[in-house]
């Protein structure tokens, strides 16, 4: 999954906590959120806060779906070290309790 597709997927699945998110989707979304926050900080506190609130729910959702992709419950995302370890772990290539794996990228 490339950067624009990951960002579109993040907004398309704004509050979807079921299913799975690939490693690339998670990390591209994280990069997008970081860059948007960094750019918005130059526009003042109100704009920065608005972007923070707007990105909070999709960021949580993509994190939960990433945990599902490694066949772990989404609650693991609240433990920072465990969240990082699971987010860099390879995806479960088989059907797991959270659904089928993402189709291969072209």
PDB file of N, CA and C in Angstrom:
ATOM      1  N   UNK A   1       0.846  -1.164   0.000  1.00  0.00           N
ATOM      2  CA  UNK A   1       0.000   0.000   0.000  1.00  0.00           C
ATOM      3  C   UNK A   1       0.899   1.236   0.000  1.00  0.00           C
ATOM      4  N   UNK A   2       0.573   2.190  -0.856  1.00  0.00           N
ATOM      5  CA  UNK A   2       1.379   3.400  -0.919  1.00  0.00           C
ATOM      6  C   UNK A   2       0.785   4.490  -0.022  1.00  0.00           C
ATOM      7  N   UNK A   3       1.488   5.619   0.063  1.00  0.00           N
ATOM      8  CA  UNK A   3       1.109   6.700   0.978  1.00  0.00           C
ATOM      9  C   UNK A   3      -0.296   7.246   0.707  1.00  0.00           C
ATOM     10  N   UNK A   4      -0.628   7.663  -0.528  1.00  0.00           N
ATOM     11  CA  UNK A   4      -1.977   8.209  -0.755  1.00  0.00           C
ATOM     12  C   UNK A   4      -3.094   7.195  -0.472  1.00  0.00           C
ATOM     13  N   UNK A   5      -2.873   5.945  -0.824  1.00  0.00           N
ATOM     14  CA  UNK A   5      -3.877   4.918  -0.572  1.00  0.00           C
ATOM     15  C   UNK A   5      -4.077   4.703   0.925  1.00  0.00           C
ATOM     16  N   UNK A   6      -3.001   4.748   1.687  1.00  0.00           N
ATOM     17  CA  UNK A   6      -3.103   4.576   3.140  1.00  0.00           C
ATOM     18  C   UNK A   6      -3.870   5.727   3.778  1.00  0.00           C
ATOM     19  N   UNK A   7      -3.635   6.940   3.311  1.00  0.00           N
ATOM     20  CA  UNK A   7      -4.346   8.096   3.855  1.00  0.00           C
ATOM     21  C   UNK A   7      -5.835   8.006   3.509  1.00  0.00           C
ATOM     22  N   UNK A   8      -6.138   7.645   2.266  1.00  0.00           N
ATOM     23  CA  UNK A   8      -7.546   7.472   1.872  1.00  0.00           C
ATOM     24  C   UNK A   8      -8.206   6.384   2.703  1.00  0.00           C
ATOM     25  N   UNK A   9      -7.502   5.290   2.924  1.00  0.00           N
ATOM     26  CA  UNK A   9      -8.037   4.191   3.715  1.00  0.00           C
ATOM     27  C   UNK A   9      -8.284   4.631   5.156  1.00  0.00           C
ATOM     28  N   UNK A  10      -7.391   5.436   5.687  1.00  0.00           N
ATOM     29  CA  UNK A  10      -7.563   5.946   7.050  1.00  0.00           C
ATOM     30  C   UNK A  10      -8.823   6.770   7.192  1.00  0.00           C
ATOM     31  N   UNK A  11      -9.100   7.624   6.208  1.00  0.00           N
ATOM     32  CA  UNK A  11     -10.309   8.441   6.264  1.00  0.00           C
ATOM     33  C   UNK A  11     -11.555   7.637   5.893  1.00  0.00           C
ATOM     34  N   UNK A  12     -11.422   6.699   4.979  1.00  0.00           N
ATOM     35  CA  UNK A  12     -12.559   5.869   4.578  1.00  0.00           C
ATOM     36  C   UNK A  12     -13.012   4.987   5.742  1.00  0.00           C
ATOM     37  N   UNK A  13     -12.062   4.532   6.540  1.00  0.00           N
ATOM     38  CA  UNK A  13     -12.356   3.698   7.709  1.00  0.00           C
ATOM     39  C   UNK A  13     -12.218   4.521   8.991  1.00  0.00           C
ATOM     40  N   UNK A  14     -12.748   5.732   8.964  1.00  0.00           N
ATOM     41  CA  UNK A  14     -12.575   6.731  10.026  1.00  0.00           C
ATOM     42  C   UNK A  14     -12.802   6.161  11.422  1.00  0.00           C
ATOM     43  N   UNK A  15     -13.868   5.420  11.616  1.00  0.00           N
ATOM     44  CA  UNK A  15     -14.192   4.873  12.937  1.00  0.00           C
ATOM     45  C   UNK A  15     -14.464   3.370  12.849  1.00  0.00           C
ATOM     46  N   UNK A  16     -13.757   2.691  11.971  1.00  0.00           N
ATOM     47  CA  UNK A  16     -13.919   1.247  11.815  1.00  0.00           C
ATOM     48  C   UNK A  16     -12.859   0.545  12.652  1.00  0.00           C
ATOM     49  N   UNK A  17     -13.334  -0.129  13.694  1.00  0.00           N
ATOM     50  CA  UNK A  17     -12.416  -0.807  14.598  1.00  0.00           C
ATOM     51  C   UNK A  17     -12.347  -2.305  14.340  1.00  0.00           C
ATOM     52  N   UNK A  18     -13.066  -2.769  13.347  1.00  0.00           N
ATOM     53  CA  UNK A  18     -13.010  -4.184  12.991  1.00  0.00           C
ATOM     54  C   UNK A  18     -12.195  -4.327  11.713  1.00  0.00           C
ATOM     55  N   UNK A  19     -11.707  -5.524  11.478  1.00  0.00           N
ATOM     56  CA  UNK A  19     -10.897  -5.762  10.289  1.00  0.00           C
ATOM     57  C   UNK A  19      -9.426  -5.634  10.594  1.00  0.00           C
ATOM     58  N   UNK A  20      -8.652  -5.491   9.540  1.00  0.00           N
ATOM     59  CA  UNK A  20      -7.205  -5.506   9.668  1.00  0.00           C
ATOM     60  C   UNK A  20      -6.578  -4.364   8.870  1.00  0.00           C
ATOM     61  N   UNK A  21      -5.415  -3.908   9.317  1.00  0.00           N
ATOM     62  CA  UNK A  21      -4.643  -2.882   8.611  1.00  0.00           C
ATOM     63  C   UNK A  21      -3.213  -3.383   8.460  1.00  0.00           C
ATOM     64  N   UNK A  22      -2.685  -3.289   7.270  1.00  0.00           N
ATOM     65  CA  UNK A  22      -1.325  -3.765   7.010  1.00  0.00           C
ATOM     66  C   UNK A  22      -0.293  -2.866   7.681  1.00  0.00           C
ATOM     67  N   UNK A  23       0.932  -3.352   7.726  1.00  0.00           N
ATOM     68  CA  UNK A  23       2.025  -2.558   8.289  1.00  0.00           C
ATOM     69  C   UNK A  23       2.179  -1.244   7.558  1.00  0.00           C
ATOM     70  N   UNK A  24       2.157  -1.308   6.222  1.00  0.00           N
ATOM     71  CA  UNK A  24       2.359  -0.082   5.459  1.00  0.00           C
ATOM     72  C   UNK A  24       1.219   0.906   5.681  1.00  0.00           C
ATOM     73  N   UNK A  25      -0.007   0.396   5.771  1.00  0.00           N
ATOM     74  CA  UNK A  25      -1.134   1.286   6.032  1.00  0.00           C
ATOM     75  C   UNK A  25      -0.951   1.986   7.378  1.00  0.00           C
ATOM     76  N   UNK A  26      -0.593   1.263   8.389  1.00  0.00           N
ATOM     77  CA  UNK A  26      -0.397   1.828   9.722  1.00  0.00           C
ATOM     78  C   UNK A  26       0.714   2.877   9.729  1.00  0.00           C
ATOM     79  N   UNK A  27       1.870   2.530   9.172  1.00  0.00           N
ATOM     80  CA  UNK A  27       3.007   3.444   9.245  1.00  0.00           C
ATOM     81  C   UNK A  27       2.837   4.653   8.339  1.00  0.00           C
ATOM     82  N   UNK A  28       2.216   4.486   7.173  1.00  0.00           N
ATOM     83  CA  UNK A  28       1.936   5.653   6.327  1.00  0.00           C
ATOM     84  C   UNK A  28       0.919   6.574   6.999  1.00  0.00           C
ATOM     85  N   UNK A  29      -0.086   6.008   7.665  1.00  0.00           N
ATOM     86  CA  UNK A  29      -1.050   6.838   8.381  1.00  0.00           C
ATOM     87  C   UNK A  29      -0.351   7.587   9.518  1.00  0.00           C
ATOM     88  N   UNK A  30       0.531   6.904  10.240  1.00  0.00           N
ATOM     89  CA  UNK A  30       1.272   7.534  11.331  1.00  0.00           C
ATOM     90  C   UNK A  30       2.136   8.672  10.799  1.00  0.00           C
ATOM     91  N   UNK A  31       2.797   8.459   9.668  1.00  0.00           N
ATOM     92  CA  UNK A  31       3.600   9.513   9.052  1.00  0.00           C
ATOM     93  C   UNK A  31       2.721  10.692   8.637  1.00  0.00           C
ATOM     94  N   UNK A  32       1.573  10.412   8.016  1.00  0.00           N
ATOM     95  CA  UNK A  32       0.643  11.463   7.614  1.00  0.00           C
ATOM     96  C   UNK A  32       0.187  12.282   8.821  1.00  0.00           C
ATOM     97  N   UNK A  33      -0.220  11.602   9.895  1.00  0.00           N
ATOM     98  CA  UNK A  33      -0.694  12.298  11.091  1.00  0.00           C
ATOM     99  C   UNK A  33       0.419  13.152  11.701  1.00  0.00           C
ATOM    100  N   UNK A  34       1.634  12.610  11.737  1.00  0.00           N
ATOM    101  CA  UNK A  34       2.772  13.368  12.275  1.00  0.00           C
ATOM    102  C   UNK A  34       3.054  14.607  11.432  1.00  0.00           C
ATOM    103  N   UNK A  35       3.094  14.441  10.117  1.00  0.00           N
ATOM    104  CA  UNK A  35       3.375  15.586   9.240  1.00  0.00           C
ATOM    105  C   UNK A  35       2.276  16.641   9.329  1.00  0.00           C
ATOM    106  N   UNK A  36       1.031  16.211   9.377  1.00  0.00           N
ATOM    107  CA  UNK A  36      -0.077  17.152   9.480  1.00  0.00           C
ATOM    108  C   UNK A  36      -0.018  17.914  10.798  1.00  0.00           C
ATOM    109  N   UNK A  37       0.306  17.233  11.870  1.00  0.00           N
ATOM    110  CA  UNK A  37       0.438  17.898  13.169  1.00  0.00           C
ATOM    111  C   UNK A  37       1.602  18.888  13.160  1.00  0.00           C
ATOM    112  N   UNK A  38       2.712  18.490  12.564  1.00  0.00           N
ATOM    113  CA  UNK A  38       3.872  19.375  12.506  1.00  0.00           C
ATOM    114  C   UNK A  38       3.575  20.629  11.687  1.00  0.00           C
ATOM    115  N   UNK A  39       2.877  20.456  10.568  1.00  0.00           N
ATOM    116  CA  UNK A  39       2.538  21.614   9.732  1.00  0.00           C
ATOM    117  C   UNK A  39       1.489  22.495  10.395  1.00  0.00           C
ATOM    118  N   UNK A  40       0.529  21.900  11.077  1.00  0.00           N
ATOM    119  CA  UNK A  40      -0.547  22.687  11.680  1.00  0.00           C
ATOM    120  C   UNK A  40      -0.072  23.476  12.891  1.00  0.00           C
ATOM    121  N   UNK A  41       1.026  23.066  13.497  1.00  0.00           N
ATOM    122  CA  UNK A  41       1.513  23.791  14.679  1.00  0.00           C
ATOM    123  C   UNK A  41       1.940  25.213  14.331  1.00  0.00           C
ATOM    124  N   UNK A  42       2.261  25.475  13.091  1.00  0.00           N
ATOM    125  CA  UNK A  42       2.638  26.814  12.665  1.00  0.00           C
ATOM    126  C   UNK A  42       1.459  27.743  12.449  1.00  0.00           C
ATOM    127  N   UNK A  43       0.237  27.203  12.478  1.00  0.00           N
ATOM    128  CA  UNK A  43      -0.953  28.015  12.241  1.00  0.00           C
ATOM    129  C   UNK A  43      -1.657  28.448  13.517  1.00  0.00           C
ATOM    130  N   UNK A  44      -1.139  28.105  14.649  1.00  0.00           N
ATOM    131  CA  UNK A  44      -1.740  28.503  15.917  1.00  0.00           C
ATOM    132  C   UNK A  44      -2.358  27.339  16.651  1.00  0.00           C
ATOM    133  N   UNK A  45      -2.657  27.611  17.905  1.00  0.00           N
ATOM    134  CA  UNK A  45      -3.170  26.559  18.782  1.00  0.00           C
ATOM    135  C   UNK A  45      -4.542  26.048  18.361  1.00  0.00           C
ATOM    136  N   UNK A  46      -5.413  26.925  17.905  1.00  0.00           N
ATOM    137  CA  UNK A  46      -6.773  26.511  17.557  1.00  0.00           C
ATOM    138  C   UNK A  46      -6.760  25.539  16.378  1.00  0.00           C
ATOM    139  N   UNK A  47      -5.991  25.844  15.352  1.00  0.00           N
ATOM    140  CA  UNK A  47      -5.913  24.973  14.171  1.00  0.00           C
ATOM    141  C   UNK A  47      -5.243  23.658  14.534  1.00  0.00           C
ATOM    142  N   UNK A  48      -4.178  23.727  15.308  1.00  0.00           N
ATOM    143  CA  UNK A  48      -3.468  22.520  15.717  1.00  0.00           C
ATOM    144  C   UNK A  48      -4.374  21.610  16.538  1.00  0.00           C
ATOM    145  N   UNK A  49      -5.148  22.193  17.441  1.00  0.00           N
ATOM    146  CA  UNK A  49      -6.083  21.416  18.250  1.00  0.00           C
ATOM    147  C   UNK A  49      -7.167  20.791  17.383  1.00  0.00           C
ATOM    148  N   UNK A  50      -7.648  21.526  16.410  1.00  0.00           N
ATOM    149  CA  UNK A  50      -8.668  21.027  15.495  1.00  0.00           C
ATOM    150  C   UNK A  50      -8.157  19.809  14.722  1.00  0.00           C
ATOM    151  N   UNK A  51      -6.936  19.900  14.219  1.00  0.00           N
ATOM    152  CA  UNK A  51      -6.349  18.756  13.512  1.00  0.00           C
ATOM    153  C   UNK A  51      -6.134  17.580  14.454  1.00  0.00           C
ATOM    154  N   UNK A  52      -5.703  17.852  15.685  1.00  0.00           N
ATOM    155  CA  UNK A  52      -5.496  16.779  16.660  1.00  0.00           C
ATOM    156  C   UNK A  52      -6.786  16.025  16.937  1.00  0.00           C
ATOM    157  N   UNK A  53      -7.861  16.769  17.153  1.00  0.00           N
ATOM    158  CA  UNK A  53      -9.151  16.138  17.433  1.00  0.00           C
ATOM    159  C   UNK A  53      -9.647  15.380  16.205  1.00  0.00           C
ATOM    160  N   UNK A  54      -9.441  15.959  15.018  1.00  0.00           N
ATOM    161  CA  UNK A  54      -9.889  15.309  13.787  1.00  0.00           C
ATOM    162  C   UNK A  54      -9.147  14.024  13.466  1.00  0.00           C
ATOM    163  N   UNK A  55      -7.913  13.917  13.889  1.00  0.00           N
ATOM    164  CA  UNK A  55      -7.106  12.725  13.595  1.00  0.00           C
ATOM    165  C   UNK A  55      -7.118  11.698  14.714  1.00  0.00           C
ATOM    166  N   UNK A  56      -7.701  12.037  15.861  1.00  0.00           N
ATOM    167  CA  UNK A  56      -7.663  11.131  16.999  1.00  0.00           C
ATOM    168  C   UNK A  56      -8.395   9.812  16.723  1.00  0.00           C
ATOM    169  N   UNK A  57      -9.633   9.875  16.314  1.00  0.00           N
ATOM    170  CA  UNK A  57     -10.424   8.659  16.103  1.00  0.00           C
ATOM    171  C   UNK A  57      -9.866   7.773  14.980  1.00  0.00           C
ATOM    172  N   UNK A  58      -9.519   8.320  13.803  1.00  0.00           N
ATOM    173  CA  UNK A  58      -8.952   7.422  12.785  1.00  0.00           C
ATOM    174  C   UNK A  58      -7.593   6.849  13.182  1.00  0.00           C
ATOM    175  N   UNK A  59      -6.824   7.575  13.978  1.00  0.00           N
ATOM    176  CA  UNK A  59      -5.534   7.049  14.432  1.00  0.00           C
ATOM    177  C   UNK A  59      -5.726   5.882  15.389  1.00  0.00           C
ATOM    178  N   UNK A  60      -6.694   6.000  16.272  1.00  0.00           N
ATOM    179  CA  UNK A  60      -6.997   4.887  17.175  1.00  0.00           C
ATOM    180  C   UNK A  60      -7.513   3.700  16.371  1.00  0.00           C
ATOM    181  N   UNK A  61      -8.391   3.971  15.409  1.00  0.00           N
ATOM    182  CA  UNK A  61      -8.979   2.890  14.607  1.00  0.00           C
ATOM    183  C   UNK A  61      -7.915   2.145  13.809  1.00  0.00           C
ATOM    184  N   UNK A  62      -7.000   2.860  13.166  1.00  0.00           N
ATOM    185  CA  UNK A  62      -5.972   2.170  12.377  1.00  0.00           C
ATOM    186  C   UNK A  62      -5.021   1.403  13.302  1.00  0.00           C
ATOM    187  N   UNK A  63      -4.792   1.902  14.507  1.00  0.00           N
ATOM    188  CA  UNK A  63      -3.949   1.179  15.463  1.00  0.00           C
ATOM    189  C   UNK A  63      -4.613  -0.120  15.910  1.00  0.00           C
ATOM    190  N   UNK A  64      -5.909  -0.058  16.172  1.00  0.00           N
ATOM    191  CA  UNK A  64      -6.640  -1.268  16.567  1.00  0.00           C
ATOM    192  C   UNK A  64      -6.629  -2.280  15.428  1.00  0.00           C
ATOM    193  N   UNK A  65      -6.866  -1.808  14.200  1.00  0.00           N
ATOM    194  CA  UNK A  65      -6.855  -2.729  13.060  1.00  0.00           C
ATOM    195  C   UNK A  65      -5.471  -3.312  12.839  1.00  0.00           C
ATOM    196  N   UNK A  66      -4.423  -2.545  13.151  1.00  0.00           N
ATOM    197  CA  UNK A  66      -3.051  -3.070  13.021  1.00  0.00           C
ATOM    198  C   UNK A  66      -2.819  -4.188  14.031  1.00  0.00           C
ATOM    199  N   UNK A  67      -3.298  -4.008  15.254  1.00  0.00           N
ATOM    200  CA  UNK A  67      -3.183  -5.068  16.261  1.00  0.00           C
ATOM    201  C   UNK A  67      -3.925  -6.317  15.784  1.00  0.00           C
ATOM    202  N   UNK A  68      -5.093  -6.117  15.181  1.00  0.00           N
ATOM    203  CA  UNK A  68      -5.862  -7.252  14.655  1.00  0.00           C
ATOM    204  C   UNK A  68      -5.079  -7.978  13.559  1.00  0.00           C
ATOM    205  N   UNK A  69      -4.327  -7.240  12.763  1.00  0.00           N
ATOM    206  CA  UNK A  69      -3.579  -7.844  11.664  1.00  0.00           C
ATOM    207  C   UNK A  69      -2.502  -8.795  12.170  1.00  0.00           C
ATOM    208  N   UNK A  70      -2.017  -8.551  13.374  1.00  0.00           N
ATOM    209  CA  UNK A  70      -1.009  -9.437  13.966  1.00  0.00           C
ATOM    210  C   UNK A  70      -1.655 -10.467  14.885  1.00  0.00           C
ATOM    211  N   UNK A  71      -2.991 -10.576  14.807  1.00  0.00           N
ATOM    212  CA  UNK A  71      -3.794 -11.530  15.572  1.00  0.00           C
ATOM    213  C   UNK A  71      -3.744 -11.261  17.072  1.00  0.00           C
ATOM    214  N   UNK A  72      -3.826  -9.975  17.436  1.00  0.00           N
ATOM    215  CA  UNK A  72      -3.894  -9.562  18.836  1.00  0.00           C
ATOM    216  C   UNK A  72      -5.090  -8.630  19.013  1.00  0.00           C
ATOM    217  N   UNK A  73      -5.612  -8.587  20.204  1.00  0.00           N
ATOM    218  CA  UNK A  73      -6.725  -7.686  20.502  1.00  0.00           C
ATOM    219  C   UNK A  73      -6.253  -6.232  20.420  1.00  0.00           C
ATOM    220  N   UNK A  74      -7.162  -5.359  20.059  1.00  0.00           N
ATOM    221  CA  UNK A  74      -6.846  -3.947  19.891  1.00  0.00           C
ATOM    222  C   UNK A  74      -6.420  -3.241  21.162  1.00  0.00           C
ATOM    223  N   UNK A  75      -6.789  -3.773  22.306  1.00  0.00           N
ATOM    224  CA  UNK A  75      -6.430  -3.140  23.574  1.00  0.00           C
ATOM    225  C   UNK A  75      -4.917  -3.080  23.783  1.00  0.00           C
ATOM    226  N   UNK A  76      -4.157  -3.904  23.093  1.00  0.00           N
ATOM    227  CA  UNK A  76      -2.700  -3.876  23.240  1.00  0.00           C
ATOM    228  C   UNK A  76      -2.104  -2.554  22.799  1.00  0.00           C
ATOM    229  N   UNK A  77      -2.849  -1.776  22.030  1.00  0.00           N
ATOM    230  CA  UNK A  77      -2.297  -0.498  21.553  1.00  0.00           C
ATOM    231  C   UNK A  77      -2.086   0.508  22.678  1.00  0.00           C
ATOM    232  N   UNK A  78      -2.699   0.303  23.849  1.00  0.00           N
ATOM    233  CA  UNK A  78      -2.520   1.262  24.942  1.00  0.00           C
ATOM    234  C   UNK A  78      -1.235   1.015  25.735  1.00  0.00           C
ATOM    235  N   UNK A  79      -0.552  -0.085  25.462  1.00  0.00           N
ATOM    236  CA  UNK A  79       0.733  -0.373  26.108  1.00  0.00           C
ATOM    237  C   UNK A  79       1.822   0.004  25.100  1.00  0.00           C
ATOM    238  N   UNK A  80       2.526   1.118  25.321  1.00  0.00           N
ATOM    239  CA  UNK A  80       3.427   1.660  24.289  1.00  0.00           C
ATOM    240  C   UNK A  80       4.454   0.695  23.718  1.00  0.00           C
ATOM    241  N   UNK A  81       5.200   0.003  24.544  1.00  0.00           N
ATOM    242  CA  UNK A  81       6.252  -0.885  24.036  1.00  0.00           C
ATOM    243  C   UNK A  81       5.633  -2.048  23.263  1.00  0.00           C
ATOM    244  N   UNK A  82       4.586  -2.640  23.814  1.00  0.00           N
ATOM    245  CA  UNK A  82       3.914  -3.752  23.148  1.00  0.00           C
ATOM    246  C   UNK A  82       3.312  -3.281  21.826  1.00  0.00           C
ATOM    247  N   UNK A  83       2.708  -2.093  21.829  1.00  0.00           N
ATOM    248  CA  UNK A  83       2.135  -1.520  20.609  1.00  0.00           C
ATOM    249  C   UNK A  83       3.201  -1.405  19.524  1.00  0.00           C
ATOM    250  N   UNK A  84       4.364  -0.909  19.892  1.00  0.00           N
ATOM    251  CA  UNK A  84       5.438  -0.762  18.906  1.00  0.00           C
ATOM    252  C   UNK A  84       5.900  -2.121  18.380  1.00  0.00           C
ATOM    253  N   UNK A  85       6.094  -3.074  19.272  1.00  0.00           N
ATOM    254  CA  UNK A  85       6.554  -4.413  18.860  1.00  0.00           C
ATOM    255  C   UNK A  85       5.548  -5.050  17.907  1.00  0.00           C
ATOM    256  N   UNK A  86       4.257  -4.993  18.254  1.00  0.00           N
ATOM    257  CA  UNK A  86       3.232  -5.587  17.396  1.00  0.00           C
ATOM    258  C   UNK A  86       3.071  -4.819  16.090  1.00  0.00           C
ATOM    259  N   UNK A  87       3.294  -3.504  16.111  1.00  0.00           N
ATOM    260  CA  UNK A  87       3.104  -2.724  14.885  1.00  0.00           C
ATOM    261  C   UNK A  87       4.216  -2.961  13.862  1.00  0.00           C
ATOM    262  N   UNK A  88       5.386  -3.395  14.306  1.00  0.00           N
ATOM    263  CA  UNK A  88       6.458  -3.705  13.357  1.00  0.00           C
ATOM    264  C   UNK A  88       6.483  -5.183  12.975  1.00  0.00           C
ATOM    265  N   UNK A  89       5.699  -5.974  13.682  1.00  0.00           N
ATOM    266  CA  UNK A  89       5.625  -7.412  13.407  1.00  0.00           C
ATOM    267  C   UNK A  89       4.966  -7.659  12.049  1.00  0.00           C
ATOM    268  N   UNK A  90       5.377  -8.720  11.376  1.00  0.00           N
ATOM    269  CA  UNK A  90       4.765  -9.071  10.099  1.00  0.00           C
ATOM    270  C   UNK A  90       3.305  -9.428  10.287  1.00  0.00           C
ATOM    271  N   UNK A  91       2.533  -9.171   9.252  1.00  0.00           N
ATOM    272  CA  UNK A  91       1.110  -9.501   9.268  1.00  0.00           C
ATOM    273  C   UNK A  91       0.914 -11.007   9.312  1.00  0.00           C
ATOM    274  N   UNK A  92      -0.190 -11.414   9.912  1.00  0.00           N
ATOM    275  CA  UNK A  92      -0.583 -12.818   9.896  1.00  0.00           C
ATOM    276  C   UNK A  92      -1.088 -13.109   8.478  1.00  0.00           C
ATOM    277  N   UNK A  93      -0.403 -13.965   7.716  1.00  0.00           N
ATOM    278  CA  UNK A  93      -0.768 -14.160   6.311  1.00  0.00           C
ATOM    279  C   UNK A  93      -2.054 -14.959   6.094  1.00  0.00           C
ATOM    280  N   UNK A  94      -2.578 -15.543   7.155  1.00  0.00           N
ATOM    281  CA  UNK A  94      -3.766 -16.394   7.034  1.00  0.00           C
ATOM    282  C   UNK A  94      -4.989 -15.703   7.604  1.00  0.00           C
ATOM    283  N   UNK A  95      -6.118 -16.314   7.360  1.00  0.00           N
ATOM    284  CA  UNK A  95      -7.356 -15.867   7.974  1.00  0.00           C
ATOM    285  C   UNK A  95      -7.200 -16.004   9.483  1.00  0.00           C
ATOM    286  N   UNK A  96      -7.505 -14.941  10.222  1.00  0.00           N
ATOM    287  CA  UNK A  96      -7.470 -15.045  11.677  1.00  0.00           C
ATOM    288  C   UNK A  96      -8.824 -14.624  12.233  1.00  0.00           C
ATOM    289  N   UNK A  97      -8.959 -14.548  13.520  1.00  0.00           N
ATOM    290  CA  UNK A  97     -10.252 -14.261  14.143  1.00  0.00           C
ATOM    291  C   UNK A  97     -10.779 -12.867  13.828  1.00  0.00           C
ATOM    292  N   UNK A  98      -9.956 -11.999  13.229  1.00  0.00           N
ATOM    293  CA  UNK A  98     -10.362 -10.644  12.898  1.00  0.00           C
ATOM    294  C   UNK A  98     -10.663 -10.464  11.411  1.00  0.00           C
ATOM    295  N   UNK A  99     -10.503 -11.529  10.637  1.00  0.00           N
ATOM    296  CA  UNK A  99     -10.845 -11.456   9.225  1.00  0.00           C
ATOM    297  C   UNK A  99      -9.723 -11.930   8.312  1.00  0.00           C
ATOM    298  N   UNK A 100      -9.957 -11.815   7.009  1.00  0.00           N
ATOM    299  CA  UNK A 100      -8.941 -12.240   6.047  1.00  0.00           C
ATOM    300  C   UNK A 100      -7.826 -11.195   5.928  1.00  0.00           C
ATOM    301  N   UNK A 101      -6.662 -11.607   5.478  1.00  0.00           N
ATOM    302  CA  UNK A 101      -5.580 -10.646   5.258  1.00  0.00           C
ATOM    303  C   UNK A 101      -5.915  -9.701   4.114  1.00  0.00           C
ATOM    304  N   UNK A 102      -5.238  -8.589   4.077  1.00  0.00           N
ATOM    305  CA  UNK A 102      -5.438  -7.627   2.995  1.00  0.00           C
ATOM    306  C   UNK A 102      -4.952  -8.241   1.688  1.00  0.00           C
ATOM    307  N   UNK A 103      -5.621  -7.907   0.586  1.00  0.00           N
ATOM    308  CA  UNK A 103      -5.136  -8.418  -0.698  1.00  0.00           C
ATOM    309  C   UNK A 103      -3.763  -7.839  -1.032  1.00  0.00           C
ATOM    310  N   UNK A 104      -2.947  -8.562  -1.773  1.00  0.00           N
ATOM    311  CA  UNK A 104      -1.619  -8.055  -2.119  1.00  0.00           C
ATOM    312  C   UNK A 104      -1.711  -6.784  -2.951  1.00  0.00           C
ATOM    313  N   UNK A 105      -0.775  -5.879  -2.700  1.00  0.00           N
ATOM    314  CA  UNK A 105      -0.726  -4.627  -3.469  1.00  0.00           C
ATOM    315  C   UNK A 105      -0.186  -4.888  -4.860  1.00  0.00           C
ATOM    316  N   UNK A 106      -0.673  -4.117  -5.799  1.00  0.00           N
ATOM    317  CA  UNK A 106      -0.193  -4.259  -7.175  1.00  0.00           C
ATOM    318  C   UNK A 106       0.941  -3.333  -7.464  1.00  0.00           C
TER     319      UNK A 106
END
